[in-house]
Amino acid sequence: MSFSTAEGIGALRRERLRSARLYFVCDAHPGDQDPEPLLKAALDGGVDIVQLREKSGDRRVTDRAAQTFRRLCDTYGVPFMVNDDPELAVSCRADGVHIGQDDMSVEDARSIVGNDCLIGLSTHSEEQILAAHQAEHKPDHISVGPVWETPTKPGRPAVGLELVNYAASHATLPFFAIGGIDPNNVGEVLTAGARRICVVRAIRNADDPTAVAASLRRAFAAVGAEVAPGG
């Protein structure tokens, strides 16, 4: 499929977003190692979207990692996202940016990245899910969580499966359940109504990231969790 206009690029990105099921968030140097082997393993296992989330504040480290993330995502044909930094998303040619409730607004992020880039927004309550849908400037997708408490979000209380169920019943934007999800509990998340999941530690810390990613993908078929055509 070939798109030659900015509008077409945005359409392709959103099409890939709608069909995505497994989203992997990874830091620039997972385990103080080159990210490439881990990213390749995750992508081989079936990851659909990759996000670079680096909290060290070292822009040189982040920029170098972004080049690796971009190259591998191009090779595998999956969207590449960056966390919290729309300007970095532009400079490293990312497909989009993910922002939190305490970051800049979706409107401000859109003014930086443009209309053909994806914007994801974290939500942690029914009110935030509703606000994302009612906003004049809507994100392209939301994350819902953390389902269970996770050290990647210190101090953020778990929202439980109830919020996943609420999102499944009310969200029209694509949503990814996130927070403490792994092969042992992913079935609970899918049974609660999620049709997309986002993981960090489950893949990053695995002895066999490819096998874990593949196991997470198989879980969708095991519970008949098909992605709805509209999102």
Protein backbone atom coordinates (compact mmCIF):
# COMPACT_ATOMS: atom_id res chain seq x y z
CA MET A 1 0.00 0.00 0.00
CA SER A 2 1.50 3.30 -1.08
CA PHE A 3 0.58 6.76 0.16
CA SER A 4 2.18 9.88 -1.31
CA THR A 5 0.46 12.65 0.70
CA ALA A 6 0.58 13.65 4.33
CA GLU A 7 -3.11 12.77 4.61
CA GLY A 8 -2.33 9.32 3.22
CA ILE A 9 0.50 8.79 5.69
CA GLY A 10 -1.82 9.65 8.55
CA ALA A 11 -4.46 7.28 7.20
CA LEU A 12 -1.97 4.43 7.02
CA ARG A 13 -0.78 5.09 10.56
CA ARG A 14 -4.33 5.10 11.89
CA GLU A 15 -5.15 1.94 9.98
CA ARG A 16 -2.18 0.21 11.62
CA LEU A 17 -3.29 1.55 14.99
CA ARG A 18 -6.79 0.13 14.60
CA SER A 19 -5.43 -3.31 13.76
CA ALA A 20 -2.79 -3.31 16.51
CA ARG A 21 -3.10 -5.57 19.53
CA LEU A 22 0.28 -5.69 21.28
CA TYR A 23 2.13 -2.48 22.20
CA PHE A 24 5.63 -2.62 23.71
CA VAL A 25 7.14 0.27 25.68
CA CYS A 26 10.92 0.12 25.99
CA ASP A 27 13.64 2.36 27.39
CA ALA A 28 16.70 3.46 25.45
CA HIS A 29 19.09 0.99 27.09
CA PRO A 30 17.04 -1.86 28.58
CA GLY A 31 19.16 -3.55 31.22
CA ASP A 32 21.98 -1.16 30.25
CA GLN A 33 22.21 -2.97 26.92
CA ASP A 34 21.89 -2.05 23.26
CA PRO A 35 18.12 -2.06 22.60
CA GLU A 36 18.36 -3.69 19.17
CA PRO A 37 18.41 -7.39 20.21
CA LEU A 38 15.44 -6.92 22.54
CA LEU A 39 13.45 -4.95 19.99
CA LYS A 40 14.10 -7.54 17.29
CA ALA A 41 13.03 -10.32 19.62
CA ALA A 42 9.83 -8.49 20.59
CA LEU A 43 8.97 -7.70 16.99
CA ASP A 44 9.64 -11.28 15.95
CA GLY A 45 7.14 -12.34 18.60
CA GLY A 46 4.38 -10.17 17.17
CA VAL A 47 4.59 -6.71 18.72
CA ASP A 48 2.50 -4.24 16.68
CA ILE A 49 3.65 -0.88 18.08
CA VAL A 50 6.87 0.17 19.83
CA GLN A 51 7.34 3.17 22.09
CA LEU A 52 10.62 4.70 23.21
CA ARG A 53 10.22 5.81 26.83
CA GLU A 54 13.42 7.21 28.28
CA LYS A 55 13.37 9.07 31.59
CA SER A 56 17.11 9.64 32.08
CA GLY A 57 17.00 13.11 30.55
CA ASP A 58 20.10 12.47 28.44
CA ARG A 59 19.03 13.68 25.01
CA ARG A 60 22.07 12.19 23.26
CA VAL A 61 21.21 8.73 24.58
CA THR A 62 17.59 9.15 23.56
CA ASP A 63 18.45 10.43 20.09
CA ARG A 64 20.78 7.51 19.41
CA ALA A 65 18.20 5.01 20.61
CA ALA A 66 15.52 6.68 18.52
CA GLN A 67 17.52 5.98 15.37
CA THR A 68 17.60 2.27 16.24
CA PHE A 69 13.89 2.20 17.11
CA ARG A 70 12.99 4.01 13.87
CA ARG A 71 15.09 1.69 11.72
CA LEU A 72 13.69 -1.49 13.21
CA CYS A 73 10.10 -0.26 13.12
CA ASP A 74 10.57 0.58 9.45
CA THR A 75 11.97 -2.90 8.83
CA TYR A 76 9.01 -4.59 10.51
CA GLY A 77 6.39 -2.12 9.27
CA VAL A 78 5.07 -1.12 12.70
CA PRO A 79 4.43 2.33 14.17
CA PHE A 80 7.17 3.93 16.27
CA MET A 81 6.04 6.17 19.13
CA VAL A 82 7.94 8.32 21.59
CA ASN A 83 6.91 9.22 25.12
CA ASP A 84 6.10 12.73 26.35
CA ASP A 85 8.18 14.66 23.79
CA PRO A 86 6.43 15.89 20.62
CA GLU A 87 9.54 17.74 19.45
CA LEU A 88 11.56 14.53 19.65
CA ALA A 89 8.79 12.77 17.73
CA VAL A 90 9.25 15.26 14.91
CA SER A 91 13.05 15.22 14.93
CA CYS A 92 13.33 11.42 14.85
CA ARG A 93 10.46 10.94 12.37
CA ALA A 94 8.33 9.00 14.82
CA ASP A 95 4.82 7.98 13.85
CA GLY A 96 3.45 9.60 16.97
CA VAL A 97 3.79 10.65 20.59
CA HIS A 98 2.19 9.47 23.81
CA ILE A 99 1.38 12.05 26.48
CA GLY A 100 0.12 11.82 30.05
CA GLN A 101 -2.55 13.72 31.92
CA ASP A 102 0.10 16.00 33.44
CA ASP A 103 1.91 16.71 30.17
CA MET A 104 0.92 19.23 27.51
CA SER A 105 -2.57 19.12 26.04
CA VAL A 106 -3.51 17.10 22.99
CA GLU A 107 -4.12 20.39 21.18
CA ASP A 108 -0.62 21.64 21.94
CA ALA A 109 0.96 18.32 21.01
CA ARG A 110 -0.97 18.32 17.73
CA SER A 111 0.33 21.79 16.90
CA ILE A 112 3.86 20.39 17.07
CA VAL A 113 3.56 16.95 15.46
CA GLY A 114 0.94 17.77 12.83
CA ASN A 115 -2.26 16.07 11.78
CA ASP A 116 -0.73 12.94 10.29
CA CYS A 117 1.03 11.84 13.49
CA LEU A 118 -0.62 9.64 16.11
CA ILE A 119 -1.26 11.01 19.59
CA GLY A 120 -1.88 8.69 22.51
CA LEU A 121 -3.19 9.85 25.88
CA SER A 122 -3.01 8.12 29.25
CA THR A 123 -6.29 7.79 31.17
CA HIS A 124 -6.77 6.55 34.73
CA SER A 125 -10.47 7.10 35.46
CA GLU A 126 -13.92 7.08 33.92
CA GLU A 127 -13.86 10.87 33.93
CA GLN A 128 -10.61 11.01 31.96
CA ILE A 129 -11.86 8.48 29.42
CA LEU A 130 -15.01 10.53 28.95
CA ALA A 131 -13.06 13.78 28.68
CA ALA A 132 -10.82 12.32 25.96
CA HIS A 133 -13.89 11.47 23.89
CA GLN A 134 -15.65 14.79 24.44
CA ALA A 135 -12.64 17.02 23.81
CA GLU A 136 -12.54 19.24 20.75
CA HIS A 137 -9.03 17.96 20.09
CA LYS A 138 -9.20 14.21 20.58
CA PRO A 139 -6.25 11.84 20.80
CA ASP A 140 -6.01 9.04 18.28
CA HIS A 141 -6.00 6.45 21.06
CA ILE A 142 -5.90 6.16 24.81
CA SER A 143 -4.26 3.89 27.34
CA VAL A 144 -6.31 2.68 30.31
CA GLY A 145 -4.59 1.77 33.54
CA PRO A 146 -2.55 0.80 35.35
CA VAL A 147 -4.72 -2.29 35.64
CA TRP A 148 -2.38 -3.53 38.38
CA GLU A 149 0.21 -1.53 40.26
CA THR A 150 3.55 -1.45 38.48
CA PRO A 151 7.00 -0.05 39.34
CA THR A 152 7.10 1.65 35.96
CA LYS A 153 4.41 4.03 37.33
CA PRO A 154 5.45 4.57 40.96
CA GLY A 155 2.74 6.10 43.10
CA ARG A 156 0.01 5.50 40.55
CA PRO A 157 -2.74 3.36 42.13
CA ALA A 158 -4.15 0.44 40.21
CA VAL A 159 -7.48 1.05 38.47
CA GLY A 160 -8.43 -2.63 38.31
CA LEU A 161 -10.33 -4.55 35.68
CA GLU A 162 -13.43 -2.43 36.31
CA LEU A 163 -12.00 0.50 34.35
CA VAL A 164 -11.06 -1.83 31.49
CA ASN A 165 -14.66 -3.00 31.44
CA TYR A 166 -15.88 0.60 31.45
CA ALA A 167 -13.61 1.48 28.53
CA ALA A 168 -14.78 -1.57 26.61
CA SER A 169 -18.39 -0.44 27.06
CA HIS A 170 -17.93 3.29 26.43
CA ALA A 171 -14.78 4.03 24.42
CA THR A 172 -15.01 4.59 20.71
CA LEU A 173 -11.36 5.59 20.47
CA PRO A 174 -8.96 2.63 20.28
CA PHE A 175 -7.74 1.85 23.80
CA PHE A 176 -4.85 -0.17 25.20
CA ALA A 177 -5.05 -1.70 28.66
CA ILE A 178 -1.74 -1.21 30.48
CA GLY A 179 -0.16 -1.93 33.84
CA GLY A 180 1.22 -5.19 35.18
CA ILE A 181 -0.07 -7.29 32.30
CA ASP A 182 1.77 -10.54 31.57
CA PRO A 183 1.03 -13.99 30.12
CA ASN A 184 -0.38 -15.16 33.46
CA ASN A 185 -3.09 -12.50 33.74
CA VAL A 186 -3.66 -11.27 30.19
CA GLY A 187 -6.71 -13.53 29.87
CA GLU A 188 -8.41 -11.60 32.68
CA VAL A 189 -7.77 -8.31 30.89
CA LEU A 190 -9.15 -9.60 27.61
CA THR A 191 -12.16 -11.16 29.32
CA ALA A 192 -12.85 -7.73 30.87
CA GLY A 193 -13.17 -6.36 27.34
CA ALA A 194 -9.74 -5.13 26.26
CA ARG A 195 -8.84 -5.82 22.65
CA ARG A 196 -5.43 -4.16 22.81
CA ILE A 197 -2.76 -4.38 25.50
CA CYS A 198 0.45 -2.53 26.30
CA VAL A 199 3.32 -4.08 28.23
CA VAL A 200 6.73 -3.08 29.52
CA ARG A 201 8.29 -5.53 31.97
CA ALA A 202 6.58 -8.65 30.61
CA ILE A 203 8.72 -8.44 27.47
CA ARG A 204 11.64 -6.29 28.60
CA ASN A 205 12.53 -8.53 31.55
CA ALA A 206 11.79 -11.86 29.89
CA ASP A 207 14.45 -14.49 29.34
CA ASP A 208 12.81 -15.14 25.96
CA PRO A 209 11.09 -11.94 24.77
CA THR A 210 9.99 -13.54 21.50
CA ALA A 211 8.21 -16.36 23.31
CA VAL A 212 6.50 -13.97 25.73
CA ALA A 213 5.31 -11.69 22.94
CA ALA A 214 4.00 -14.69 21.02
CA SER A 215 2.25 -15.97 24.15
CA LEU A 216 0.54 -12.62 24.64
CA ARG A 217 -0.60 -12.67 21.02
CA ARG A 218 -2.01 -16.19 21.36
CA ALA A 219 -4.08 -15.07 24.31
CA PHE A 220 -6.32 -13.02 22.03
CA ALA A 221 -7.33 -16.06 20.02
CA ALA A 222 -7.71 -18.16 23.17
CA VAL A 223 -10.54 -15.95 24.46
CA GLY A 224 -11.91 -14.94 21.06
CA ALA A 225 -10.88 -11.32 21.56
CA GLU A 226 -11.25 -9.92 18.06
CA VAL A 227 -10.54 -6.26 17.38
CA ALA A 228 -13.70 -4.42 16.35
CA PRO A 229 -13.48 -3.01 12.78
CA GLY A 230 -14.02 0.58 13.88
CA GLY A 231 -11.49 0.59 16.64
